[in-house]
Amino acid sequence: MKMWYIPIVLLVAGLAYSYWFGYTPPLIALVYFIASVISYGLYAKDKMAATNGRWRVPENTLHISALMCGWPGAIIGQQRLRHKTKKVSFRGVFVITLFINISLLGWLHTLEGSQKIQCSINKMEAWAANQLGGHNSVTVLFNLMRFH
């Protein structure tokens, strides 16, 4: 296994641990998955544009997508597409975004962070219940927001 895939494996294990012991709901893992798919798509689009000499995705957009929980997809995109792996300044900022994101995820495991996320989820549940009523999609959403 390549060194760059180790953080992804640790994230998956950490999210499983986090859910199992009641620190975070499965919604967090879903957010990471969706953001990673989007981030990978941005890297693929940028690689194709670079190859064909077309308009490129701004580096700041790639960094923001990584910061917003998409860094696993960014790592996979960098390694599989062989894109943005040589530019040292880009890699440096990417590593910083990775550490910021992991630090925020770690903060969710503190008493203050856990209380904040539970409060936010309670507000989202109340909003969803008022807006969507008793649809099956609301039940699925509520289950994704539940803590173990």
C-alpha atoms as a PDB file:
ATOM      1  CA  MET A   1       0.000   0.000   0.000  1.00  0.00           C
ATOM      2  CA  LYS A   2       1.266   3.447  -0.881  1.00  0.00           C
ATOM      3  CA  MET A   3       2.058   5.809   1.960  1.00  0.00           C
ATOM      4  CA  TRP A   4      -0.568   8.338   0.847  1.00  0.00           C
ATOM      5  CA  TYR A   5      -3.392   5.828   1.318  1.00  0.00           C
ATOM      6  CA  ILE A   6      -2.595   5.312   5.018  1.00  0.00           C
ATOM      7  CA  PRO A   7      -4.527   8.442   6.146  1.00  0.00           C
ATOM      8  CA  ILE A   8      -7.615   7.169   4.309  1.00  0.00           C
ATOM      9  CA  VAL A   9      -7.405   3.781   6.021  1.00  0.00           C
ATOM     10  CA  LEU A  10      -6.953   5.537   9.379  1.00  0.00           C
ATOM     11  CA  LEU A  11      -9.936   7.793   8.649  1.00  0.00           C
ATOM     12  CA  VAL A  12     -12.214   4.849   7.838  1.00  0.00           C
ATOM     13  CA  ALA A  13     -11.099   3.023  10.990  1.00  0.00           C
ATOM     14  CA  GLY A  14     -11.447   6.204  13.034  1.00  0.00           C
ATOM     15  CA  LEU A  15     -14.945   6.930  11.740  1.00  0.00           C
ATOM     16  CA  ALA A  16     -16.019   3.352  12.490  1.00  0.00           C
ATOM     17  CA  TYR A  17     -14.577   3.652  16.015  1.00  0.00           C
ATOM     18  CA  SER A  18     -16.164   7.072  16.429  1.00  0.00           C
ATOM     19  CA  TYR A  19     -19.603   5.811  15.462  1.00  0.00           C
ATOM     20  CA  TRP A  20     -19.354   2.601  17.459  1.00  0.00           C
ATOM     21  CA  PHE A  21     -18.506   4.459  20.664  1.00  0.00           C
ATOM     22  CA  GLY A  22     -21.132   7.161  20.107  1.00  0.00           C
ATOM     23  CA  TYR A  23     -18.973  10.174  19.270  1.00  0.00           C
ATOM     24  CA  THR A  24     -20.339  10.870  15.793  1.00  0.00           C
ATOM     25  CA  PRO A  25     -23.322   9.779  13.706  1.00  0.00           C
ATOM     26  CA  PRO A  26     -22.955   7.924  10.382  1.00  0.00           C
ATOM     27  CA  LEU A  27     -23.858  11.183   8.636  1.00  0.00           C
ATOM     28  CA  ILE A  28     -20.234  12.271   9.126  1.00  0.00           C
ATOM     29  CA  ALA A  29     -18.970   9.280   7.125  1.00  0.00           C
ATOM     30  CA  LEU A  30     -21.532  10.012   4.407  1.00  0.00           C
ATOM     31  CA  VAL A  31     -20.324  13.627   4.221  1.00  0.00           C
ATOM     32  CA  TYR A  32     -16.727  12.417   3.805  1.00  0.00           C
ATOM     33  CA  PHE A  33     -17.797  10.007   1.062  1.00  0.00           C
ATOM     34  CA  ILE A  34     -19.816  12.566  -0.928  1.00  0.00           C
ATOM     35  CA  ALA A  35     -17.150  15.263  -0.542  1.00  0.00           C
ATOM     36  CA  SER A  36     -14.482  12.772  -1.636  1.00  0.00           C
ATOM     37  CA  VAL A  37     -16.396  11.845  -4.782  1.00  0.00           C
ATOM     38  CA  ILE A  38     -16.775  15.541  -5.629  1.00  0.00           C
ATOM     39  CA  SER A  39     -13.102  16.195  -4.912  1.00  0.00           C
ATOM     40  CA  TYR A  40     -12.003  13.264  -7.077  1.00  0.00           C
ATOM     41  CA  GLY A  41     -14.211  14.601  -9.863  1.00  0.00           C
ATOM     42  CA  LEU A  42     -12.559  18.009  -9.616  1.00  0.00           C
ATOM     43  CA  TYR A  43      -9.112  16.419  -9.885  1.00  0.00           C
ATOM     44  CA  ALA A  44     -10.225  14.354 -12.896  1.00  0.00           C
ATOM     45  CA  LYS A  45     -11.659  17.455 -14.570  1.00  0.00           C
ATOM     46  CA  ASP A  46      -8.466  19.419 -13.899  1.00  0.00           C
ATOM     47  CA  LYS A  47      -6.267  16.597 -15.198  1.00  0.00           C
ATOM     48  CA  MET A  48      -8.302  16.344 -18.409  1.00  0.00           C
ATOM     49  CA  ALA A  49      -8.197  20.113 -18.863  1.00  0.00           C
ATOM     50  CA  ALA A  50      -4.425  20.162 -18.300  1.00  0.00           C
ATOM     51  CA  THR A  51      -3.963  17.394 -20.853  1.00  0.00           C
ATOM     52  CA  ASN A  52      -6.176  19.100 -23.460  1.00  0.00           C
ATOM     53  CA  GLY A  53      -5.022  22.686 -22.818  1.00  0.00           C
ATOM     54  CA  ARG A  54      -8.447  23.867 -21.633  1.00  0.00           C
ATOM     55  CA  TRP A  55      -9.643  25.935 -18.667  1.00  0.00           C
ATOM     56  CA  ARG A  56      -8.282  24.509 -15.410  1.00  0.00           C
ATOM     57  CA  VAL A  57      -9.882  24.100 -12.010  1.00  0.00           C
ATOM     58  CA  PRO A  58      -8.310  26.734  -9.728  1.00  0.00           C
ATOM     59  CA  GLU A  59      -5.940  25.317  -7.107  1.00  0.00           C
ATOM     60  CA  ASN A  60      -7.908  27.107  -4.385  1.00  0.00           C
ATOM     61  CA  THR A  61     -10.995  25.127  -5.429  1.00  0.00           C
ATOM     62  CA  LEU A  62      -9.048  21.883  -5.117  1.00  0.00           C
ATOM     63  CA  HIS A  63      -7.800  22.921  -1.680  1.00  0.00           C
ATOM     64  CA  ILE A  64     -11.264  23.963  -0.490  1.00  0.00           C
ATOM     65  CA  SER A  65     -12.718  20.650  -1.639  1.00  0.00           C
ATOM     66  CA  ALA A  66     -10.011  18.844   0.332  1.00  0.00           C
ATOM     67  CA  LEU A  67     -10.628  20.994   3.403  1.00  0.00           C
ATOM     68  CA  MET A  68     -14.385  20.366   3.262  1.00  0.00           C
ATOM     69  CA  CYS A  69     -13.950  16.621   3.977  1.00  0.00           C
ATOM     70  CA  GLY A  70     -12.915  15.735   0.423  1.00  0.00           C
ATOM     71  CA  TRP A  71      -9.260  15.027   1.125  1.00  0.00           C
ATOM     72  CA  PRO A  72      -9.628  11.220   0.793  1.00  0.00           C
ATOM     73  CA  GLY A  73     -10.939  11.699  -2.750  1.00  0.00           C
ATOM     74  CA  ALA A  74      -8.203  14.236  -3.414  1.00  0.00           C
ATOM     75  CA  ILE A  75      -5.523  11.762  -2.355  1.00  0.00           C
ATOM     76  CA  ILE A  76      -6.999   9.053  -4.557  1.00  0.00           C
ATOM     77  CA  GLY A  77      -7.272  11.524  -7.440  1.00  0.00           C
ATOM     78  CA  GLN A  78      -3.680  12.647  -7.039  1.00  0.00           C
ATOM     79  CA  GLN A  79      -2.339   9.115  -6.922  1.00  0.00           C
ATOM     80  CA  ARG A  80      -4.528   7.388  -9.528  1.00  0.00           C
ATOM     81  CA  LEU A  81      -4.498  10.262 -12.007  1.00  0.00           C
ATOM     82  CA  ARG A  82      -0.863  11.207 -11.323  1.00  0.00           C
ATOM     83  CA  HIS A  83      -2.013  14.797 -10.912  1.00  0.00           C
ATOM     84  CA  LYS A  84      -0.564  17.486  -8.637  1.00  0.00           C
ATOM     85  CA  THR A  85       1.969  15.065  -7.180  1.00  0.00           C
ATOM     86  CA  LYS A  86       5.116  16.968  -8.158  1.00  0.00           C
ATOM     87  CA  LYS A  87       4.229  20.579  -7.331  1.00  0.00           C
ATOM     88  CA  VAL A  88       5.742  21.091  -3.867  1.00  0.00           C
ATOM     89  CA  SER A  89       3.823  24.278  -3.017  1.00  0.00           C
ATOM     90  CA  PHE A  90       0.508  22.604  -3.843  1.00  0.00           C
ATOM     91  CA  ARG A  91       1.395  19.516  -1.799  1.00  0.00           C
ATOM     92  CA  GLY A  92       2.374  21.680   1.176  1.00  0.00           C
ATOM     93  CA  VAL A  93      -0.963  23.489   1.232  1.00  0.00           C
ATOM     94  CA  PHE A  94      -2.775  20.180   0.702  1.00  0.00           C
ATOM     95  CA  VAL A  95      -1.094  18.652   3.762  1.00  0.00           C
ATOM     96  CA  ILE A  96      -2.103  21.704   5.804  1.00  0.00           C
ATOM     97  CA  THR A  97      -5.744  21.322   4.696  1.00  0.00           C
ATOM     98  CA  LEU A  98      -5.597  17.642   5.638  1.00  0.00           C
ATOM     99  CA  PHE A  99      -4.313  18.454   9.140  1.00  0.00           C
ATOM    100  CA  ILE A 100      -6.924  21.200   9.633  1.00  0.00           C
ATOM    101  CA  ASN A 101      -9.718  18.829   8.637  1.00  0.00           C
ATOM    102  CA  ILE A 102      -8.435  16.027  10.888  1.00  0.00           C
ATOM    103  CA  SER A 103      -8.067  18.511  13.760  1.00  0.00           C
ATOM    104  CA  LEU A 104     -11.698  19.581  13.362  1.00  0.00           C
ATOM    105  CA  LEU A 105     -12.775  15.944  13.273  1.00  0.00           C
ATOM    106  CA  GLY A 106     -10.746  15.365  16.443  1.00  0.00           C
ATOM    107  CA  TRP A 107     -12.471  18.370  18.037  1.00  0.00           C
ATOM    108  CA  LEU A 108     -15.813  16.613  17.538  1.00  0.00           C
ATOM    109  CA  HIS A 109     -14.537  14.042  20.033  1.00  0.00           C
ATOM    110  CA  THR A 110     -14.155  16.592  22.808  1.00  0.00           C
ATOM    111  CA  LEU A 111     -17.002  17.360  25.202  1.00  0.00           C
ATOM    112  CA  GLU A 112     -17.590  20.776  23.613  1.00  0.00           C
ATOM    113  CA  GLY A 113     -17.453  19.409  20.054  1.00  0.00           C
ATOM    114  CA  SER A 114     -19.766  16.512  20.854  1.00  0.00           C
ATOM    115  CA  GLN A 115     -22.295  18.860  22.437  1.00  0.00           C
ATOM    116  CA  LYS A 116     -22.128  21.209  19.433  1.00  0.00           C
ATOM    117  CA  ILE A 117     -22.707  18.439  16.906  1.00  0.00           C
ATOM    118  CA  GLN A 118     -25.565  16.944  18.923  1.00  0.00           C
ATOM    119  CA  CYS A 119     -27.194  20.381  19.227  1.00  0.00           C
ATOM    120  CA  SER A 120     -26.788  20.978  15.485  1.00  0.00           C
ATOM    121  CA  ILE A 121     -28.219  17.582  14.648  1.00  0.00           C
ATOM    122  CA  ASN A 122     -31.199  18.164  16.945  1.00  0.00           C
ATOM    123  CA  LYS A 123     -31.877  21.424  15.089  1.00  0.00           C
ATOM    124  CA  MET A 124     -31.551  19.684  11.706  1.00  0.00           C
ATOM    125  CA  GLU A 125     -33.959  16.942  12.837  1.00  0.00           C
ATOM    126  CA  ALA A 126     -36.515  19.513  13.988  1.00  0.00           C
ATOM    127  CA  TRP A 127     -36.194  21.421  10.713  1.00  0.00           C
ATOM    128  CA  ALA A 128     -36.493  18.248   8.620  1.00  0.00           C
ATOM    129  CA  ALA A 129     -39.521  17.088  10.593  1.00  0.00           C
ATOM    130  CA  ASN A 130     -41.252  20.442  10.048  1.00  0.00           C
ATOM    131  CA  GLN A 131     -40.355  20.726   6.374  1.00  0.00           C
ATOM    132  CA  LEU A 132     -40.679  17.153   5.154  1.00  0.00           C
ATOM    133  CA  GLY A 133     -43.232  15.597   7.467  1.00  0.00           C
ATOM    134  CA  GLY A 134     -43.364  11.814   7.741  1.00  0.00           C
ATOM    135  CA  HIS A 135     -41.797  10.825   4.412  1.00  0.00           C
ATOM    136  CA  ASN A 136     -39.572   7.747   4.240  1.00  0.00           C
ATOM    137  CA  SER A 137     -36.648   9.999   3.296  1.00  0.00           C
ATOM    138  CA  VAL A 138     -37.001  11.749   6.659  1.00  0.00           C
ATOM    139  CA  THR A 139     -36.732   8.401   8.447  1.00  0.00           C
ATOM    140  CA  VAL A 140     -33.541   7.598   6.533  1.00  0.00           C
ATOM    141  CA  LEU A 141     -32.159  11.058   7.303  1.00  0.00           C
ATOM    142  CA  PHE A 142     -32.955  10.674  11.005  1.00  0.00           C
ATOM    143  CA  ASN A 143     -31.234   7.289  11.095  1.00  0.00           C
ATOM    144  CA  LEU A 144     -28.110   8.810   9.542  1.00  0.00           C
ATOM    145  CA  MET A 145     -28.106  11.458  12.279  1.00  0.00           C
ATOM    146  CA  ARG A 146     -28.471   9.058  15.192  1.00  0.00           C
ATOM    147  CA  PHE A 147     -25.599   8.387  17.530  1.00  0.00           C
ATOM    148  CA  HIS A 148     -24.753   4.789  18.440  1.00  0.00           C
END
